[in-house]
Protein backbone atom coordinates (compact mmCIF):
# COMPACT_ATOMS: atom_id res chain seq x y z
CA MET A 1 50.43 -41.99 16.26
CA ALA A 2 46.61 -41.68 16.39
CA ASP A 3 45.06 -38.23 16.40
CA LEU A 4 44.79 -36.64 19.82
CA THR A 5 41.25 -35.80 20.89
CA GLY A 6 39.98 -33.90 23.87
CA THR A 7 37.48 -31.45 25.36
CA VAL A 8 37.90 -27.67 25.54
CA LEU A 9 37.91 -26.63 29.21
CA ALA A 10 38.31 -22.87 28.84
CA VAL A 11 38.71 -20.16 26.21
CA GLN A 12 40.99 -17.23 27.00
CA ALA A 13 41.74 -14.74 24.20
CA ASN A 14 43.13 -16.87 21.33
CA PHE A 15 44.16 -19.79 23.51
CA TYR A 16 42.23 -22.92 24.45
CA ARG A 17 42.81 -25.21 27.42
CA VAL A 18 42.09 -28.77 26.30
CA MET A 19 41.75 -31.87 28.46
CA LEU A 20 42.92 -34.91 26.50
CA ASP A 21 40.87 -38.08 26.50
CA HIS A 22 42.00 -40.97 28.67
CA GLY A 23 44.93 -42.83 27.10
CA PHE A 24 46.69 -39.69 25.87
CA GLU A 25 48.44 -38.73 29.10
CA ALA A 26 51.93 -37.44 28.40
CA SER A 27 55.04 -37.74 30.54
CA LEU A 28 56.57 -34.34 31.28
CA ILE A 29 59.58 -33.05 33.20
CA ASP A 30 59.29 -30.03 35.51
CA SER A 31 62.04 -27.59 36.48
CA ASN A 32 63.16 -29.82 39.36
CA ASP A 33 63.51 -32.83 37.05
CA HIS A 34 60.65 -34.58 38.80
CA GLN A 35 58.55 -36.62 36.40
CA PHE A 36 54.78 -36.11 36.47
CA LEU A 37 51.77 -36.84 34.33
CA SER A 38 49.51 -34.28 32.67
CA ASN A 39 46.70 -34.67 30.18
CA GLU A 40 46.00 -30.95 29.65
CA LEU A 41 47.38 -28.85 26.78
CA LEU A 42 47.29 -25.15 25.96
CA CYS A 43 46.30 -24.90 22.29
CA THR A 44 45.90 -22.41 19.49
CA ARG A 45 43.54 -22.62 16.51
CA ARG A 46 44.70 -23.56 13.01
CA ALA A 47 44.48 -20.70 10.49
CA ARG A 48 42.21 -22.87 8.32
CA LEU A 49 39.57 -22.93 11.06
CA LYS A 50 39.76 -19.18 11.40
CA LYS A 51 39.31 -18.70 7.64
CA ILE A 52 36.14 -20.77 7.53
CA GLY A 53 34.77 -18.96 10.61
CA GLN A 54 34.85 -22.01 12.90
CA GLN A 55 34.29 -20.80 16.44
CA ILE A 56 35.63 -22.88 19.31
CA CYS A 57 33.61 -22.93 22.54
CA VAL A 58 33.96 -24.46 25.97
CA GLY A 59 32.75 -28.06 25.77
CA ASP A 60 33.72 -28.55 22.12
CA ARG A 61 35.22 -31.91 21.16
CA VAL A 62 38.41 -31.21 19.20
CA THR A 63 41.33 -32.87 17.41
CA ILE A 64 44.88 -31.70 18.20
CA GLU A 65 47.96 -31.79 15.95
CA GLU A 66 51.70 -31.46 16.63
CA PRO A 67 51.67 -31.59 20.43
CA ASP A 68 54.71 -30.15 22.20
CA TRP A 69 54.87 -32.29 25.34
CA GLN A 70 57.71 -30.29 26.85
CA GLY A 71 55.83 -27.01 26.62
CA ARG A 72 52.39 -28.60 26.93
CA ARG A 73 51.24 -26.89 23.71
CA GLY A 74 49.26 -27.99 20.67
CA ALA A 75 47.15 -26.80 17.73
CA ILE A 76 43.44 -27.53 17.22
CA SER A 77 42.88 -28.81 13.68
CA ASN A 78 39.25 -29.92 13.79
CA VAL A 79 36.03 -29.40 15.77
CA GLU A 80 33.51 -32.23 15.93
CA PRO A 81 29.82 -31.47 15.20
CA ARG A 82 28.03 -30.24 18.32
CA LEU A 83 25.09 -31.96 19.94
CA ASN A 84 23.82 -28.59 21.20
CA LEU A 85 25.04 -25.13 22.16
CA LEU A 86 24.02 -23.13 25.20
CA ASP A 87 23.95 -19.49 24.13
CA ARG A 88 24.50 -17.63 27.40
CA PRO A 89 27.23 -18.35 28.18
CA MET A 90 28.38 -20.43 25.21
CA VAL A 91 28.91 -24.06 26.22
CA ALA A 92 28.77 -26.89 23.68
CA ASN A 93 27.64 -30.51 24.06
CA VAL A 94 25.70 -30.01 27.30
CA ASP A 95 24.26 -33.23 28.76
CA ARG A 96 22.30 -31.69 31.63
CA ILE A 97 21.58 -28.39 33.31
CA LEU A 98 21.76 -28.22 37.11
CA LEU A 99 19.63 -25.33 38.35
CA VAL A 100 20.63 -24.21 41.84
CA PHE A 101 18.28 -22.02 43.88
CA ALA A 102 18.17 -21.19 47.58
CA LEU A 103 15.29 -21.90 49.92
CA ALA A 104 16.27 -18.81 51.93
CA ASP A 105 18.79 -15.95 51.88
CA PRO A 106 17.84 -14.96 49.20
CA PRO A 107 14.23 -16.20 49.41
CA LEU A 108 12.98 -18.46 46.65
CA ASP A 109 11.10 -16.50 43.96
CA PRO A 110 8.67 -18.74 42.00
CA HIS A 111 8.65 -16.42 38.97
CA GLN A 112 12.45 -16.34 38.69
CA LEU A 113 12.68 -20.09 39.23
CA SER A 114 10.05 -20.70 36.54
CA ARG A 115 11.95 -18.50 34.10
CA PHE A 116 15.19 -20.44 34.60
CA LEU A 117 13.32 -23.75 34.26
CA VAL A 118 11.75 -22.72 30.95
CA LYS A 119 15.13 -21.61 29.60
CA ALA A 120 16.70 -24.90 30.70
CA GLU A 121 13.88 -26.93 29.13
CA SER A 122 14.38 -25.10 25.82
CA MET A 123 17.89 -26.59 25.61
CA ASP A 124 16.36 -30.07 25.16
CA THR A 125 18.62 -31.58 27.82
CA GLU A 126 18.09 -33.22 31.19
CA VAL A 127 17.14 -30.70 33.88
CA LEU A 128 18.09 -31.22 37.55
CA LEU A 129 16.67 -28.89 40.20
CA CYS A 130 18.65 -28.41 43.39
CA LEU A 131 17.44 -26.29 46.34
CA ASN A 132 20.32 -25.14 48.56
CA LYS A 133 20.36 -23.86 52.17
CA ARG A 134 18.09 -26.63 53.38
CA ASP A 135 19.49 -26.00 56.88
CA LEU A 136 17.88 -22.52 56.96
CA VAL A 137 14.25 -23.71 56.67
CA ASP A 138 12.13 -26.10 58.71
CA ASP A 139 10.68 -29.38 57.49
CA VAL A 140 7.24 -27.87 56.85
CA THR A 141 8.66 -25.19 54.51
CA TRP A 142 10.81 -27.72 52.68
CA GLN A 143 7.88 -30.11 52.21
CA MET A 144 5.68 -27.25 50.97
CA TRP A 145 8.17 -26.28 48.28
CA ARG A 146 8.84 -29.91 47.37
CA ASP A 147 5.15 -30.68 46.84
CA ARG A 148 4.66 -27.46 44.91
CA LEU A 149 7.52 -28.20 42.50
CA VAL A 150 6.36 -31.78 42.02
CA GLY A 151 3.16 -30.21 40.73
CA TRP A 152 5.30 -28.32 38.22
CA GLY A 153 6.76 -31.62 37.02
CA TYR A 154 10.08 -31.64 38.91
CA ALA A 155 11.59 -33.63 41.78
CA PRO A 156 13.84 -31.12 43.60
CA MET A 157 16.86 -32.21 45.61
CA GLY A 158 17.35 -30.47 48.95
CA ILE A 159 20.99 -29.82 49.87
CA SER A 160 23.07 -27.71 52.22
CA THR A 161 26.58 -26.61 51.31
CA TYR A 162 27.00 -25.65 54.97
CA THR A 163 26.21 -29.06 56.49
CA GLN A 164 27.01 -30.92 53.19
CA ALA A 165 23.68 -32.75 53.40
CA GLY A 166 22.60 -34.16 50.03
CA ILE A 167 25.93 -33.47 48.30
CA GLU A 168 26.90 -37.13 47.78
CA PRO A 169 23.58 -38.20 46.15
CA LEU A 170 23.83 -35.17 43.87
CA SER A 171 27.43 -35.94 42.85
CA GLN A 172 26.40 -39.45 41.77
CA LYS A 173 24.06 -37.94 39.16
CA LEU A 174 26.88 -35.90 37.57
CA GLN A 175 29.49 -38.58 36.85
CA THR A 176 29.06 -38.58 33.06
CA GLY A 177 28.95 -35.91 30.38
CA VAL A 178 28.92 -32.13 30.79
CA THR A 179 26.76 -30.53 33.48
CA VAL A 180 26.12 -26.78 33.43
CA VAL A 181 25.41 -25.13 36.78
CA ALA A 182 23.10 -22.12 36.59
CA GLY A 183 20.96 -20.04 38.89
CA MET A 184 20.60 -16.69 40.60
CA SER A 185 23.63 -15.07 42.19
CA GLY A 186 24.09 -15.74 45.89
CA VAL A 187 22.34 -19.12 45.97
CA GLY A 188 25.56 -21.03 46.66
CA LYS A 189 26.69 -22.21 43.21
CA SER A 190 30.37 -21.51 43.91
CA SER A 191 30.19 -23.20 47.33
CA LEU A 192 28.57 -26.23 45.71
CA ILE A 193 31.26 -26.46 43.04
CA ASN A 194 33.96 -26.29 45.73
CA LEU A 195 32.37 -29.34 47.37
CA LEU A 196 31.92 -31.29 44.13
CA VAL A 197 35.46 -30.52 42.89
CA PRO A 198 37.85 -30.71 45.87
CA ASN A 199 40.86 -28.33 46.04
CA LEU A 200 39.30 -26.02 43.44
CA GLN A 201 38.49 -23.05 45.70
CA VAL A 202 36.17 -21.05 43.44
CA ARG A 203 35.69 -17.56 44.84
CA VAL A 204 32.55 -17.31 46.99
CA GLY A 205 30.49 -14.13 47.26
CA GLN A 206 28.04 -12.82 49.83
CA VAL A 207 24.38 -11.95 49.56
CA SER A 208 23.69 -8.21 49.41
CA GLN A 209 21.49 -7.20 52.34
CA ARG A 210 20.17 -4.17 50.43
CA LEU A 211 19.29 -5.90 47.14
CA GLY A 212 18.46 -9.37 48.47
CA HIS A 213 20.63 -11.20 45.93
CA GLY A 214 24.26 -12.15 45.59
CA LYS A 215 27.18 -10.52 43.87
CA HIS A 216 28.55 -12.06 40.70
CA THR A 217 31.65 -14.05 41.61
CA THR A 218 32.22 -15.97 38.36
CA ARG A 219 33.86 -14.01 35.52
CA HIS A 220 34.00 -16.58 32.70
CA VAL A 221 32.72 -20.05 31.94
CA GLU A 222 35.06 -23.01 32.53
CA LEU A 223 34.77 -26.80 32.71
CA PHE A 224 36.04 -28.57 35.83
CA ALA A 225 36.79 -32.30 35.81
CA LEU A 226 34.83 -34.16 38.48
CA PRO A 227 36.71 -36.76 40.57
CA LYS A 228 34.52 -39.69 39.46
CA GLY A 229 34.11 -38.61 35.83
CA GLY A 230 32.23 -35.98 33.91
CA TYR A 231 32.67 -32.22 33.75
CA LEU A 232 31.05 -29.38 35.63
CA ALA A 233 30.64 -25.88 34.16
CA ASP A 234 29.97 -22.83 36.26
CA THR A 235 28.23 -20.01 34.41
CA PRO A 236 28.71 -16.28 34.98
CA GLY A 237 25.88 -15.01 37.16
CA PHE A 238 23.05 -13.34 35.31
CA MET A 239 19.72 -12.14 36.61
CA GLN A 240 17.40 -12.68 33.66
CA PRO A 241 17.98 -15.52 31.17
CA ASN A 242 16.63 -14.47 27.77
CA LEU A 243 13.59 -16.29 26.42
CA ALA A 244 14.27 -16.10 22.70
CA ILE A 245 11.76 -18.87 22.06
CA ALA A 246 9.28 -19.35 19.23
CA PRO A 247 5.77 -18.64 20.66
CA GLN A 248 4.36 -21.92 19.29
CA ASP A 249 7.11 -23.91 21.04
CA LEU A 250 6.81 -22.31 24.47
CA VAL A 251 4.14 -24.70 25.75
CA ASN A 252 6.51 -27.65 25.29
CA TYR A 253 8.81 -26.24 27.98
CA PHE A 254 6.21 -26.58 30.75
CA PRO A 255 6.07 -30.26 31.92
CA GLU A 256 2.59 -29.84 33.40
CA ALA A 257 1.30 -28.52 30.05
CA ARG A 258 3.01 -31.35 28.18
CA GLN A 259 1.03 -33.80 30.30
CA ASN A 260 -2.22 -32.36 28.94
CA LEU A 261 -0.95 -32.66 25.36
CA ALA A 262 0.27 -36.23 26.00
CA LYS A 263 -3.30 -37.39 26.72
CA GLY A 264 -3.98 -37.40 22.99
CA GLU A 265 -6.48 -34.56 22.97
CA LEU A 266 -5.93 -31.74 20.48
CA CYS A 267 -6.82 -28.08 20.53
CA GLN A 268 -9.49 -26.97 18.08
CA PHE A 269 -6.97 -24.95 16.04
CA HIS A 270 -3.56 -26.29 14.99
CA ASN A 271 -1.92 -22.90 15.63
CA CYS A 272 -3.49 -22.46 19.07
CA LEU A 273 -1.28 -20.43 21.44
CA HIS A 274 -3.38 -21.48 24.46
CA ARG A 275 -4.54 -18.03 25.50
CA ARG A 276 -7.62 -17.55 27.64
CA ASP A 277 -9.83 -16.52 24.70
CA GLU A 278 -8.98 -19.42 22.36
CA PRO A 279 -11.91 -21.87 22.09
CA ASN A 280 -11.62 -25.57 22.94
CA CYS A 281 -7.99 -25.34 24.11
CA VAL A 282 -6.82 -28.43 26.01
CA VAL A 283 -3.86 -26.68 27.65
CA ARG A 284 -5.25 -23.62 29.36
CA GLY A 285 -6.60 -24.20 32.80
CA ASP A 286 -5.99 -23.77 36.51
CA TRP A 287 -2.44 -25.15 36.63
CA GLU A 288 -0.28 -22.90 38.79
CA ARG A 289 2.20 -21.69 36.20
CA TYR A 290 -0.41 -20.78 33.58
CA GLU A 291 0.04 -17.09 34.43
CA HIS A 292 3.80 -17.51 33.94
CA TYR A 293 3.11 -19.11 30.57
CA LEU A 294 0.95 -16.18 29.43
CA ALA A 295 3.59 -13.64 30.50
CA TYR A 296 6.39 -15.51 28.72
CA LEU A 297 4.18 -15.94 25.64
CA GLU A 298 3.77 -12.17 25.26
CA GLU A 299 7.53 -11.79 25.66
CA ALA A 300 8.19 -14.44 23.00
CA ILE A 301 5.73 -12.80 20.59
CA ALA A 302 7.35 -9.38 21.11
CA HIS A 303 10.78 -10.91 20.46
CA GLN A 304 9.56 -12.56 17.27
CA GLN A 305 8.05 -9.28 16.03
CA LYS A 306 11.29 -7.46 16.80
CA LEU A 307 13.24 -9.99 14.74
CA ARG A 308 10.85 -9.60 11.81
CA HIS A 309 11.10 -5.81 12.00
CA SER A 310 14.91 -5.87 12.05
CA THR A 311 14.94 -8.29 9.09
CA THR A 312 12.64 -5.96 7.13
CA ILE A 313 14.95 -3.01 7.80
CA GLU A 314 18.03 -5.00 6.75
CA THR A 315 16.44 -6.09 3.45
CA ALA A 316 15.52 -2.46 2.73
CA LEU A 317 19.11 -1.31 3.12
CA LYS A 318 22.25 -1.85 1.07
CA THR A 319 25.90 -1.35 1.97
CA LYS A 320 27.96 1.03 -0.16
CA ASP A 321 31.48 2.47 -0.02
CA SER A 322 31.50 6.25 0.37
CA SER A 323 33.96 8.63 -1.30
CA GLU A 324 35.98 8.67 1.94
CA GLY A 325 36.36 4.88 1.76
CA LYS A 326 33.95 4.21 4.63
CA ARG A 327 31.20 1.59 4.37
CA GLN A 328 27.71 2.94 4.96
CA GLN A 329 24.13 1.81 4.55
CA GLU A 330 21.51 3.51 2.41
CA PRO A 331 17.98 2.63 1.26
CA LYS A 332 17.59 0.39 -1.77
CA LEU A 333 15.88 2.05 -4.73
CA SER A 334 12.57 0.65 -5.84
CA LYS A 335 12.69 -0.45 -9.46
CA LYS A 336 9.13 0.68 -10.16
CA ARG A 337 9.40 4.12 -8.61
CA TYR A 338 12.92 5.33 -9.26
CA ARG A 339 14.30 3.55 -12.32
CA ARG A 340 13.71 4.93 -15.79
CA GLU A 341 11.69 2.85 -18.22
CA SER A 342 13.78 1.13 -20.89
CA ARG A 343 13.79 2.58 -24.45
CA ARG A 344 12.39 -0.67 -25.85
CA SER A 345 9.37 -0.37 -23.57
CA GLU A 346 8.96 3.27 -24.60
CA HIS A 347 8.99 2.35 -28.32
CA GLN A 348 6.48 -0.43 -27.72
CA SER A 349 4.23 1.98 -25.94
CA LEU A 350 4.46 4.50 -28.83
CA ASP A 351 3.67 1.79 -31.37
CA MET A 352 0.56 0.81 -29.42
CA ASP A 353 -0.58 4.44 -29.37
CA ASP A 354 -0.16 4.74 -33.18
CA GLU A 355 -2.47 1.81 -33.70
């Protein structure tokens, strides 16, 4: 029989839920002796993968050995090379990121939206922008936000999980590959997933009236199979996506800045970071998100300096077993300052003095 292949849907402790590819559906018997079909297995990881440090993440493409159809069990023997890996939360082989924000309740914050967009762009995947709660704003407000975001380089889709307006056109864009849903808490991500994946019933939270944002309702990342193909991943709510981005790469994650670079003009200096004081820069200007760019640039520089500092400390330390058997770190000794000069060098020095 050919090797079984599939996609990891969820990771729980040392077990992995795997959806088998089409063509590997197995016939099973339930307790009432009614025959049904299932293409999902609960798997463990082969000891060999553990020894080589192979981590298995949601979205990984895997090979399964020795399936137990009666118990719906199997063992993962191989993990295919990943196309990419989203770091927070960890999802592999992401085809697109669907950013969901609300037009109202909570109100749309341009700075937060920009931060999520930059993080999504850094994944080098397709980015879809969806603005929920269209029913809570008038046409003038919606058109204002739409025109503004077009200036940023995006074509937002307006939807309403309450009236279900715009849900069908959105679902047609998600029928292939793995789509990760991300955004602020309380914007309607769980409600949207419940509409895209019928009979799922993901827990829905409410927006805090005191804080102006929603409560986290998703505890762990999981892939859900969409009715017409493709997978959808909800991500645990988080307020501030990290921007661990190289400062020189940051400009590439702003579509409006990329347009300036695409014209063929070059900055005067090859290592230009496009600050206000850098001469003959073709990127800086009056585009709306330039202030966001400068703020994120300082954050990226600070992160890079922190990494360099931690690396310097690590190289200056060594690990040693103490007399109690505990491993501890201590400074490395400098050869020049602490180590005694060899006897050969001493003799050579004496011979030179005699001459």
